[in-house]
N, C-alpha and C. Protein backbone atom coordinates (compact mmCIF):
# COMPACT_ATOMS: atom_id res chain seq x y z
N MET A 1 -7.27 -58.28 7.72
CA MET A 1 -5.83 -58.33 7.81
C MET A 1 -5.17 -57.56 6.66
N PHE A 2 -5.76 -57.74 5.46
CA PHE A 2 -5.23 -57.06 4.29
C PHE A 2 -5.29 -55.54 4.46
N ASN A 3 -6.39 -55.05 5.06
CA ASN A 3 -6.56 -53.61 5.28
C ASN A 3 -5.49 -53.06 6.23
N ILE A 4 -5.12 -53.82 7.23
CA ILE A 4 -4.10 -53.37 8.18
C ILE A 4 -2.75 -53.28 7.49
N ILE A 5 -2.42 -54.30 6.69
CA ILE A 5 -1.12 -54.29 5.97
C ILE A 5 -1.12 -53.12 4.98
N ARG A 6 -2.20 -52.93 4.27
CA ARG A 6 -2.29 -51.81 3.30
C ARG A 6 -2.12 -50.48 4.04
N THR A 7 -2.74 -50.30 5.19
CA THR A 7 -2.64 -49.08 5.98
C THR A 7 -1.20 -48.85 6.42
N ILE A 8 -0.54 -49.92 6.89
CA ILE A 8 0.86 -49.82 7.34
C ILE A 8 1.77 -49.46 6.17
N VAL A 9 1.60 -50.10 5.04
CA VAL A 9 2.43 -49.83 3.86
C VAL A 9 2.18 -48.39 3.41
N THR A 10 0.93 -47.95 3.36
CA THR A 10 0.61 -46.57 2.97
C THR A 10 1.28 -45.58 3.92
N PHE A 11 1.23 -45.87 5.21
CA PHE A 11 1.86 -44.99 6.20
C PHE A 11 3.37 -44.92 5.97
N VAL A 12 3.99 -46.06 5.77
CA VAL A 12 5.45 -46.11 5.55
C VAL A 12 5.83 -45.33 4.28
N VAL A 13 5.07 -45.52 3.19
CA VAL A 13 5.35 -44.81 1.94
C VAL A 13 5.23 -43.31 2.15
N PHE A 14 4.12 -42.85 2.76
CA PHE A 14 3.95 -41.42 2.97
C PHE A 14 5.00 -40.86 3.92
N PHE A 15 5.36 -41.64 4.94
CA PHE A 15 6.40 -41.20 5.85
C PHE A 15 7.71 -41.03 5.11
N PHE A 16 8.06 -41.99 4.26
CA PHE A 16 9.29 -41.94 3.46
C PHE A 16 9.28 -40.73 2.53
N ILE A 17 8.17 -40.49 1.84
CA ILE A 17 8.06 -39.35 0.93
C ILE A 17 8.21 -38.04 1.71
N GLY A 18 7.55 -37.95 2.84
CA GLY A 18 7.64 -36.74 3.68
C GLY A 18 9.03 -36.52 4.19
N PHE A 19 9.71 -37.60 4.62
CA PHE A 19 11.08 -37.49 5.12
C PHE A 19 12.01 -37.01 4.00
N CYS A 20 11.85 -37.58 2.81
CA CYS A 20 12.70 -37.18 1.68
C CYS A 20 12.47 -35.72 1.31
N ALA A 21 11.22 -35.29 1.27
CA ALA A 21 10.91 -33.90 0.95
C ALA A 21 11.50 -32.98 2.02
N TYR A 22 11.37 -33.35 3.29
CA TYR A 22 11.94 -32.56 4.38
C TYR A 22 13.46 -32.48 4.25
N SER A 23 14.10 -33.60 3.89
CA SER A 23 15.55 -33.63 3.75
C SER A 23 16.03 -32.71 2.63
N ILE A 24 15.22 -32.57 1.60
CA ILE A 24 15.57 -31.69 0.48
C ILE A 24 15.32 -30.23 0.83
N ILE A 25 14.19 -29.93 1.45
CA ILE A 25 13.77 -28.55 1.71
C ILE A 25 14.50 -27.96 2.92
N ARG A 26 14.80 -28.74 3.94
CA ARG A 26 15.40 -28.20 5.16
C ARG A 26 16.69 -27.43 4.90
N PRO A 27 17.63 -27.90 4.11
CA PRO A 27 18.85 -27.12 3.86
C PRO A 27 18.54 -25.79 3.16
N LEU A 28 17.51 -25.78 2.33
CA LEU A 28 17.14 -24.52 1.69
C LEU A 28 16.65 -23.52 2.71
N TRP A 29 15.81 -23.97 3.66
CA TRP A 29 15.35 -23.08 4.72
C TRP A 29 16.52 -22.56 5.53
N ALA A 30 17.42 -23.43 5.88
CA ALA A 30 18.58 -23.04 6.69
C ALA A 30 19.41 -22.03 5.90
N HIS A 31 19.59 -22.24 4.59
CA HIS A 31 20.36 -21.32 3.76
C HIS A 31 19.68 -19.96 3.71
N GLU A 32 18.36 -19.95 3.51
CA GLU A 32 17.64 -18.66 3.44
C GLU A 32 17.76 -17.89 4.74
N ALA A 33 17.80 -18.59 5.84
CA ALA A 33 17.87 -17.93 7.14
C ALA A 33 19.24 -17.29 7.37
N THR A 34 20.28 -17.81 6.70
CA THR A 34 21.61 -17.27 6.93
C THR A 34 22.07 -16.30 5.86
N VAL A 35 21.37 -16.21 4.74
CA VAL A 35 21.76 -15.31 3.67
C VAL A 35 21.30 -13.91 4.02
N GLU A 36 22.23 -12.97 3.94
CA GLU A 36 21.86 -11.57 4.18
C GLU A 36 21.46 -10.96 2.85
N GLU A 37 20.28 -10.35 2.83
CA GLU A 37 19.81 -9.72 1.61
C GLU A 37 20.37 -8.30 1.52
N ALA A 38 20.62 -7.89 0.29
CA ALA A 38 21.08 -6.55 0.05
C ALA A 38 19.94 -5.59 0.38
N PRO A 39 20.26 -4.41 0.86
CA PRO A 39 19.20 -3.45 1.14
C PRO A 39 18.46 -3.08 -0.13
N LEU A 40 17.19 -2.77 0.02
CA LEU A 40 16.34 -2.40 -1.11
C LEU A 40 16.79 -1.04 -1.66
N ASN A 41 16.97 -0.98 -2.96
CA ASN A 41 17.32 0.31 -3.60
C ASN A 41 16.05 0.84 -4.24
N CYS A 42 15.44 1.82 -3.60
CA CYS A 42 14.13 2.32 -4.04
C CYS A 42 14.21 3.03 -5.39
N ASP A 43 15.39 3.45 -5.78
CA ASP A 43 15.53 4.11 -7.10
C ASP A 43 15.51 3.09 -8.24
N GLU A 44 15.70 1.80 -7.92
CA GLU A 44 15.76 0.78 -8.96
C GLU A 44 14.50 -0.08 -9.03
N ILE A 45 13.51 0.17 -8.21
CA ILE A 45 12.28 -0.60 -8.26
C ILE A 45 11.51 -0.19 -9.49
N ASP A 46 11.02 -1.19 -10.23
CA ASP A 46 10.21 -0.91 -11.41
C ASP A 46 8.91 -1.68 -11.27
N LEU A 47 7.84 -0.98 -11.09
CA LEU A 47 6.53 -1.60 -11.00
C LEU A 47 5.81 -1.58 -12.33
N GLY A 48 6.49 -1.09 -13.35
CA GLY A 48 5.84 -0.91 -14.63
C GLY A 48 5.13 0.42 -14.67
N THR A 49 4.52 0.71 -15.78
CA THR A 49 3.77 1.96 -15.93
C THR A 49 2.33 1.57 -16.19
N TYR A 50 1.43 2.17 -15.47
CA TYR A 50 0.01 1.84 -15.58
C TYR A 50 -0.76 3.02 -16.13
N ASP A 51 -1.61 2.74 -17.08
CA ASP A 51 -2.47 3.74 -17.68
C ASP A 51 -3.90 3.36 -17.42
N TYR A 52 -4.54 4.07 -16.49
CA TYR A 52 -5.91 3.78 -16.12
C TYR A 52 -6.89 4.71 -16.84
N THR A 53 -6.45 5.38 -17.90
CA THR A 53 -7.35 6.30 -18.58
C THR A 53 -8.52 5.59 -19.22
N GLN A 54 -8.44 4.27 -19.43
CA GLN A 54 -9.63 3.55 -19.92
C GLN A 54 -10.68 3.45 -18.84
N VAL A 55 -10.28 3.58 -17.57
CA VAL A 55 -11.23 3.57 -16.44
C VAL A 55 -11.79 4.98 -16.23
N SER A 56 -10.90 5.97 -16.24
CA SER A 56 -11.31 7.36 -16.03
C SER A 56 -10.16 8.25 -16.50
N THR A 57 -10.54 9.42 -17.00
CA THR A 57 -9.53 10.39 -17.39
C THR A 57 -9.39 11.52 -16.40
N ASN A 58 -10.00 11.36 -15.21
CA ASN A 58 -9.86 12.41 -14.22
C ASN A 58 -8.40 12.50 -13.77
N ARG A 59 -8.04 13.61 -13.19
CA ARG A 59 -6.62 13.89 -12.87
C ARG A 59 -5.98 12.86 -11.94
N PRO A 60 -6.60 12.49 -10.80
CA PRO A 60 -5.92 11.54 -9.91
C PRO A 60 -5.66 10.19 -10.60
N THR A 61 -6.63 9.72 -11.38
CA THR A 61 -6.47 8.44 -12.06
C THR A 61 -5.44 8.53 -13.18
N ARG A 62 -5.56 9.58 -13.96
CA ARG A 62 -4.61 9.77 -15.07
C ARG A 62 -3.16 9.88 -14.56
N ASN A 63 -2.99 10.49 -13.39
CA ASN A 63 -1.65 10.71 -12.83
C ASN A 63 -1.21 9.60 -11.86
N ASN A 64 -2.04 8.57 -11.65
CA ASN A 64 -1.73 7.55 -10.64
C ASN A 64 -1.41 8.19 -9.30
N ASN A 65 -2.17 9.24 -8.99
CA ASN A 65 -1.96 10.07 -7.81
C ASN A 65 -3.22 9.99 -6.93
N PRO A 66 -3.35 8.92 -6.13
CA PRO A 66 -4.60 8.71 -5.38
C PRO A 66 -4.90 9.81 -4.37
N GLY A 67 -3.91 10.54 -3.90
CA GLY A 67 -4.16 11.62 -2.95
C GLY A 67 -4.36 12.95 -3.63
N ASN A 68 -4.24 12.96 -4.96
CA ASN A 68 -4.36 14.19 -5.74
C ASN A 68 -3.41 15.25 -5.19
N ILE A 69 -2.17 14.85 -4.96
CA ILE A 69 -1.14 15.71 -4.33
C ILE A 69 -0.66 16.72 -5.33
N ARG A 70 -0.67 17.97 -4.90
CA ARG A 70 -0.15 19.05 -5.76
C ARG A 70 1.37 18.99 -5.77
N LYS A 71 1.97 19.56 -6.82
CA LYS A 71 3.43 19.65 -6.90
C LYS A 71 3.92 20.45 -5.68
N THR A 72 4.99 19.95 -5.06
CA THR A 72 5.51 20.61 -3.86
C THR A 72 7.00 20.90 -3.98
N GLY A 73 7.62 20.38 -5.02
CA GLY A 73 9.07 20.52 -5.14
C GLY A 73 9.81 19.35 -4.50
N ARG A 74 9.09 18.49 -3.81
CA ARG A 74 9.70 17.32 -3.18
C ARG A 74 9.80 16.23 -4.24
N ASP A 75 10.91 15.50 -4.24
CA ASP A 75 11.10 14.39 -5.14
C ASP A 75 10.52 13.12 -4.50
N TYR A 76 9.67 12.44 -5.24
CA TYR A 76 9.06 11.20 -4.80
C TYR A 76 9.57 10.04 -5.68
N TYR A 77 9.64 8.86 -5.08
CA TYR A 77 9.98 7.68 -5.86
C TYR A 77 8.86 7.37 -6.85
N GLY A 78 9.24 6.92 -8.04
CA GLY A 78 8.23 6.57 -9.04
C GLY A 78 7.57 7.74 -9.73
N GLU A 79 8.09 8.93 -9.51
CA GLU A 79 7.49 10.16 -10.04
C GLU A 79 7.72 10.26 -11.55
N THR A 80 6.73 10.78 -12.24
CA THR A 80 6.84 11.09 -13.66
C THR A 80 6.54 12.57 -13.84
N SER A 81 6.56 13.05 -15.03
CA SER A 81 6.32 14.49 -15.27
C SER A 81 5.12 14.74 -16.17
N ASN A 82 4.04 14.03 -15.91
CA ASN A 82 2.85 14.12 -16.77
C ASN A 82 1.99 15.38 -16.54
N ASP A 83 2.15 16.03 -15.43
CA ASP A 83 1.25 17.11 -15.08
C ASP A 83 2.06 18.24 -14.44
N PRO A 84 1.88 19.48 -14.92
CA PRO A 84 2.69 20.58 -14.37
C PRO A 84 2.22 21.03 -12.98
N ALA A 85 0.98 20.75 -12.59
CA ALA A 85 0.45 21.28 -11.33
C ALA A 85 0.33 20.21 -10.23
N PHE A 86 0.16 18.95 -10.62
CA PHE A 86 -0.06 17.88 -9.65
C PHE A 86 1.00 16.80 -9.84
N GLU A 87 1.35 16.11 -8.76
CA GLU A 87 2.29 15.01 -8.85
C GLU A 87 1.72 13.94 -9.77
N SER A 88 2.60 13.25 -10.46
CA SER A 88 2.18 12.10 -11.28
C SER A 88 3.18 10.98 -11.05
N PHE A 89 2.68 9.74 -11.13
CA PHE A 89 3.49 8.58 -10.81
C PHE A 89 3.30 7.51 -11.88
N ALA A 90 4.33 6.66 -12.00
CA ALA A 90 4.29 5.57 -12.99
C ALA A 90 3.21 4.54 -12.68
N ALA A 91 2.90 4.37 -11.40
CA ALA A 91 1.93 3.37 -10.97
C ALA A 91 1.25 3.88 -9.71
N PRO A 92 0.02 3.43 -9.44
CA PRO A 92 -0.69 3.92 -8.25
C PRO A 92 0.02 3.59 -6.94
N GLU A 93 0.79 2.50 -6.90
CA GLU A 93 1.51 2.15 -5.67
C GLU A 93 2.48 3.27 -5.27
N TRP A 94 3.13 3.84 -6.28
CA TRP A 94 4.05 4.98 -5.98
C TRP A 94 3.26 6.16 -5.45
N GLY A 95 2.08 6.37 -6.01
CA GLY A 95 1.21 7.48 -5.54
C GLY A 95 0.81 7.26 -4.09
N TYR A 96 0.46 6.04 -3.75
CA TYR A 96 0.07 5.75 -2.36
C TYR A 96 1.29 5.92 -1.43
N ALA A 97 2.48 5.47 -1.88
CA ALA A 97 3.67 5.64 -1.04
C ALA A 97 3.93 7.13 -0.78
N ALA A 98 3.78 7.96 -1.80
CA ALA A 98 3.94 9.42 -1.62
C ALA A 98 2.88 9.99 -0.68
N MET A 99 1.66 9.47 -0.81
CA MET A 99 0.58 9.91 0.08
C MET A 99 0.90 9.57 1.55
N PHE A 100 1.41 8.34 1.76
CA PHE A 100 1.79 7.97 3.13
C PHE A 100 2.96 8.83 3.64
N ASP A 101 3.90 9.16 2.75
CA ASP A 101 5.00 10.03 3.14
C ASP A 101 4.48 11.41 3.55
N LEU A 102 3.58 11.97 2.78
CA LEU A 102 3.03 13.28 3.10
C LEU A 102 2.25 13.24 4.41
N LEU A 103 1.42 12.21 4.58
CA LEU A 103 0.66 12.07 5.82
C LEU A 103 1.62 11.94 7.01
N ASP A 104 2.71 11.21 6.83
CA ASP A 104 3.66 11.02 7.92
C ASP A 104 4.36 12.34 8.29
N ARG A 105 4.80 13.06 7.27
CA ARG A 105 5.58 14.28 7.52
C ARG A 105 4.74 15.45 8.04
N LEU A 106 3.51 15.59 7.53
CA LEU A 106 2.75 16.81 7.84
C LEU A 106 1.44 16.62 8.58
N TYR A 107 1.02 15.38 8.79
CA TYR A 107 -0.30 15.15 9.37
C TYR A 107 -0.26 14.28 10.64
N THR A 108 0.87 13.74 11.00
CA THR A 108 0.96 12.87 12.17
C THR A 108 0.43 13.57 13.41
N GLY A 109 -0.43 12.85 14.13
CA GLY A 109 -0.99 13.36 15.36
C GLY A 109 -2.28 14.13 15.20
N LEU A 110 -2.63 14.50 13.97
CA LEU A 110 -3.91 15.19 13.75
C LEU A 110 -5.04 14.18 13.80
N THR A 111 -6.20 14.65 14.22
CA THR A 111 -7.38 13.78 14.19
C THR A 111 -7.81 13.57 12.74
N LEU A 112 -8.67 12.61 12.51
CA LEU A 112 -9.21 12.37 11.17
C LEU A 112 -9.77 13.65 10.60
N SER A 113 -10.57 14.34 11.40
CA SER A 113 -11.21 15.58 10.95
C SER A 113 -10.19 16.67 10.64
N GLU A 114 -9.25 16.87 11.55
CA GLU A 114 -8.21 17.91 11.36
C GLU A 114 -7.37 17.61 10.10
N ALA A 115 -7.03 16.36 9.92
CA ALA A 115 -6.20 15.98 8.77
C ALA A 115 -6.92 16.24 7.46
N ILE A 116 -8.18 15.86 7.39
CA ILE A 116 -8.93 16.06 6.14
C ILE A 116 -9.19 17.55 5.90
N TYR A 117 -9.47 18.31 6.93
CA TYR A 117 -9.67 19.76 6.75
C TYR A 117 -8.37 20.42 6.25
N LYS A 118 -7.21 19.88 6.65
CA LYS A 118 -5.94 20.40 6.17
C LYS A 118 -5.68 19.89 4.75
N TRP A 119 -5.94 18.62 4.47
CA TRP A 119 -5.68 18.03 3.17
C TRP A 119 -6.60 18.62 2.09
N ALA A 120 -7.85 18.76 2.43
CA ALA A 120 -8.86 19.22 1.47
C ALA A 120 -9.66 20.38 2.05
N PRO A 121 -9.06 21.57 2.08
CA PRO A 121 -9.69 22.70 2.75
C PRO A 121 -11.03 23.10 2.12
N PRO A 122 -11.93 23.68 2.93
CA PRO A 122 -13.27 24.04 2.47
C PRO A 122 -13.31 25.06 1.33
N VAL A 123 -12.22 25.79 1.10
CA VAL A 123 -12.24 26.76 0.02
C VAL A 123 -12.34 26.08 -1.35
N GLU A 124 -11.97 24.80 -1.43
CA GLU A 124 -12.06 24.11 -2.73
C GLU A 124 -12.73 22.73 -2.64
N ASN A 125 -13.25 22.36 -1.46
CA ASN A 125 -13.83 21.02 -1.26
C ASN A 125 -15.04 21.11 -0.36
N ASP A 126 -15.90 20.09 -0.43
CA ASP A 126 -16.94 19.91 0.56
C ASP A 126 -16.32 19.04 1.66
N THR A 127 -15.51 19.71 2.50
CA THR A 127 -14.67 19.02 3.47
C THR A 127 -15.50 18.26 4.51
N GLU A 128 -16.60 18.80 4.93
CA GLU A 128 -17.42 18.12 5.92
C GLU A 128 -17.94 16.79 5.38
N ARG A 129 -18.37 16.81 4.12
CA ARG A 129 -18.83 15.55 3.46
C ARG A 129 -17.68 14.55 3.38
N TYR A 130 -16.49 15.08 3.08
CA TYR A 130 -15.27 14.25 2.97
C TYR A 130 -15.01 13.58 4.33
N VAL A 131 -15.03 14.35 5.41
CA VAL A 131 -14.79 13.82 6.76
C VAL A 131 -15.80 12.74 7.08
N LYS A 132 -17.08 13.04 6.86
CA LYS A 132 -18.14 12.07 7.17
C LYS A 132 -17.99 10.80 6.35
N PHE A 133 -17.64 10.92 5.09
CA PHE A 133 -17.44 9.72 4.24
C PHE A 133 -16.31 8.86 4.76
N VAL A 134 -15.15 9.45 5.00
CA VAL A 134 -13.99 8.66 5.47
C VAL A 134 -14.26 8.04 6.83
N ALA A 135 -14.87 8.81 7.75
CA ALA A 135 -15.19 8.30 9.08
C ALA A 135 -16.16 7.12 8.97
N LYS A 136 -17.17 7.25 8.13
CA LYS A 136 -18.16 6.17 8.00
C LYS A 136 -17.54 4.94 7.37
N LYS A 137 -16.78 5.10 6.29
CA LYS A 137 -16.20 3.95 5.57
C LYS A 137 -15.13 3.21 6.42
N THR A 138 -14.37 3.96 7.19
CA THR A 138 -13.30 3.35 7.99
C THR A 138 -13.80 2.87 9.35
N GLY A 139 -14.87 3.50 9.84
CA GLY A 139 -15.34 3.19 11.19
C GLY A 139 -14.54 3.93 12.24
N TYR A 140 -13.67 4.86 11.84
CA TYR A 140 -12.84 5.64 12.77
C TYR A 140 -13.62 6.86 13.22
N ASP A 141 -13.51 7.18 14.49
CA ASP A 141 -14.14 8.37 15.06
C ASP A 141 -13.40 9.63 14.54
N ARG A 142 -14.14 10.56 14.03
CA ARG A 142 -13.55 11.75 13.42
C ARG A 142 -12.70 12.58 14.38
N ASN A 143 -13.01 12.51 15.67
CA ASN A 143 -12.28 13.32 16.65
C ASN A 143 -11.34 12.48 17.53
N GLU A 144 -11.40 11.17 17.43
CA GLU A 144 -10.55 10.30 18.24
C GLU A 144 -9.41 9.68 17.44
N TYR A 145 -9.69 9.31 16.19
CA TYR A 145 -8.64 8.68 15.37
C TYR A 145 -7.54 9.69 15.08
N LYS A 146 -6.32 9.28 15.35
CA LYS A 146 -5.13 10.14 15.10
C LYS A 146 -4.31 9.54 13.96
N VAL A 147 -3.87 10.41 13.08
CA VAL A 147 -3.02 9.96 11.95
C VAL A 147 -1.69 9.49 12.51
N ASN A 148 -1.36 8.24 12.21
CA ASN A 148 -0.09 7.64 12.58
C ASN A 148 0.24 6.64 11.48
N VAL A 149 1.14 7.04 10.60
CA VAL A 149 1.42 6.21 9.43
C VAL A 149 2.11 4.91 9.82
N ASN A 150 2.70 4.84 10.98
CA ASN A 150 3.30 3.58 11.45
C ASN A 150 2.26 2.55 11.87
N ASP A 151 1.00 2.98 11.98
CA ASP A 151 -0.11 2.10 12.31
C ASP A 151 -0.77 1.66 11.01
N PRO A 152 -0.83 0.37 10.71
CA PRO A 152 -1.42 -0.08 9.44
C PRO A 152 -2.86 0.38 9.19
N SER A 153 -3.56 0.86 10.24
CA SER A 153 -4.91 1.36 10.03
C SER A 153 -4.92 2.55 9.06
N ILE A 154 -3.75 3.15 8.86
CA ILE A 154 -3.65 4.28 7.94
C ILE A 154 -3.99 3.87 6.51
N MET A 155 -3.83 2.59 6.22
CA MET A 155 -4.13 2.13 4.85
C MET A 155 -5.60 2.33 4.50
N ASN A 156 -6.50 2.05 5.45
CA ASN A 156 -7.91 2.28 5.23
C ASN A 156 -8.21 3.76 5.09
N PHE A 157 -7.58 4.55 5.93
CA PHE A 157 -7.72 6.00 5.88
C PHE A 157 -7.35 6.52 4.50
N ALA A 158 -6.17 6.14 4.02
CA ALA A 158 -5.69 6.59 2.70
C ALA A 158 -6.58 6.05 1.59
N LYS A 159 -7.01 4.82 1.71
CA LYS A 159 -7.86 4.21 0.67
C LYS A 159 -9.14 5.03 0.47
N TYR A 160 -9.79 5.37 1.56
CA TYR A 160 -11.06 6.10 1.40
C TYR A 160 -10.84 7.59 1.12
N MET A 161 -9.70 8.12 1.51
CA MET A 161 -9.35 9.50 1.03
C MET A 161 -9.22 9.47 -0.47
N SER A 162 -8.57 8.45 -1.01
CA SER A 162 -8.34 8.41 -2.46
C SER A 162 -9.67 8.26 -3.22
N VAL A 163 -10.65 7.59 -2.62
CA VAL A 163 -11.95 7.49 -3.27
C VAL A 163 -12.54 8.89 -3.41
N LEU A 164 -12.48 9.68 -2.34
CA LEU A 164 -13.03 11.03 -2.41
C LEU A 164 -12.20 11.96 -3.29
N GLU A 165 -10.92 11.68 -3.40
CA GLU A 165 -10.07 12.48 -4.29
C GLU A 165 -10.32 12.16 -5.74
N GLY A 166 -11.03 11.06 -6.01
CA GLY A 166 -11.41 10.73 -7.38
C GLY A 166 -10.64 9.60 -8.00
N MET A 167 -9.79 8.92 -7.28
CA MET A 167 -9.00 7.82 -7.85
C MET A 167 -9.91 6.68 -8.26
N LYS A 168 -9.75 6.20 -9.49
CA LYS A 168 -10.56 5.12 -10.02
C LYS A 168 -9.63 3.98 -10.45
N GLY A 169 -10.13 2.75 -10.37
CA GLY A 169 -9.41 1.59 -10.91
C GLY A 169 -8.34 1.00 -10.01
N PHE A 170 -8.15 1.54 -8.81
CA PHE A 170 -7.12 0.99 -7.93
C PHE A 170 -7.67 -0.20 -7.16
N SER A 171 -6.77 -0.96 -6.54
CA SER A 171 -7.19 -2.10 -5.75
C SER A 171 -6.60 -1.99 -4.34
N ASP A 172 -7.10 -2.83 -3.42
CA ASP A 172 -6.52 -2.88 -2.09
C ASP A 172 -5.04 -3.26 -2.17
N ALA A 173 -4.68 -4.09 -3.14
CA ALA A 173 -3.27 -4.48 -3.30
C ALA A 173 -2.40 -3.26 -3.63
N ASP A 174 -2.94 -2.32 -4.39
CA ASP A 174 -2.19 -1.07 -4.69
C ASP A 174 -1.93 -0.31 -3.39
N VAL A 175 -2.91 -0.22 -2.54
CA VAL A 175 -2.75 0.48 -1.24
C VAL A 175 -1.73 -0.27 -0.39
N ASP A 176 -1.88 -1.58 -0.30
CA ASP A 176 -0.95 -2.38 0.51
C ASP A 176 0.48 -2.25 0.02
N LEU A 177 0.70 -2.36 -1.28
CA LEU A 177 2.03 -2.26 -1.83
C LEU A 177 2.59 -0.85 -1.64
N GLY A 178 1.73 0.17 -1.80
CA GLY A 178 2.16 1.53 -1.54
C GLY A 178 2.64 1.70 -0.10
N TYR A 179 1.94 1.08 0.82
CA TYR A 179 2.34 1.13 2.22
C TYR A 179 3.69 0.46 2.45
N LEU A 180 3.90 -0.71 1.82
CA LEU A 180 5.16 -1.41 1.94
C LEU A 180 6.30 -0.57 1.32
N ILE A 181 6.04 0.07 0.21
CA ILE A 181 7.04 0.94 -0.40
C ILE A 181 7.34 2.11 0.53
N TRP A 182 6.34 2.67 1.14
CA TRP A 182 6.57 3.78 2.09
C TRP A 182 7.48 3.29 3.22
N LYS A 183 7.16 2.11 3.77
CA LYS A 183 7.94 1.59 4.90
C LYS A 183 9.39 1.37 4.49
N GLU A 184 9.63 0.89 3.29
CA GLU A 184 10.99 0.57 2.84
C GLU A 184 11.75 1.79 2.31
N CYS A 185 11.05 2.69 1.65
CA CYS A 185 11.74 3.76 0.91
C CYS A 185 11.69 5.12 1.59
N TYR A 186 10.67 5.39 2.39
CA TYR A 186 10.52 6.70 3.00
C TYR A 186 10.76 6.71 4.49
N ASN A 187 10.53 5.61 5.13
CA ASN A 187 10.55 5.52 6.58
C ASN A 187 11.98 5.29 7.07
N ASP A 188 12.74 6.35 7.13
CA ASP A 188 14.18 6.28 7.52
C ASP A 188 14.35 5.93 8.96
């Protein structure tokens, strides 16, 4: 009998605590659902400045430029002026966002193989090795996979491209955040 009373009292106490917590949190949820957020101002985002030269001093890592993008005259968010020939960024996330922007503008619809041959031409790269590496790591067919930056599968594509470009010290979170930045700041 004592166990039944204890069980009932425990149930009533937990029910009361849950009801009180719900009563406090519910108005906050309702408020959040009705508050309109200001649009993101990509010029004001500050991810800090990252120096990965303790990991590697190669150009892509030093410049937080995972795609090893050459200067093009285009202005990118998070851009710095550390290198006269290649883009440089305050953080790798900005570099990934620029990489997604470039893939979107100039590579959409190309196959994996066509995109990599365009990105890293054989005159200065072992492009066939690059294609095989990215295809193997992603599991994407070199002739079937089409570049589409609106498809999140592009994150794996860019991640393994950056490995071959020489980027060191980055994380999957850098790629993910770069993709989110691209969606918010570049994808008009």
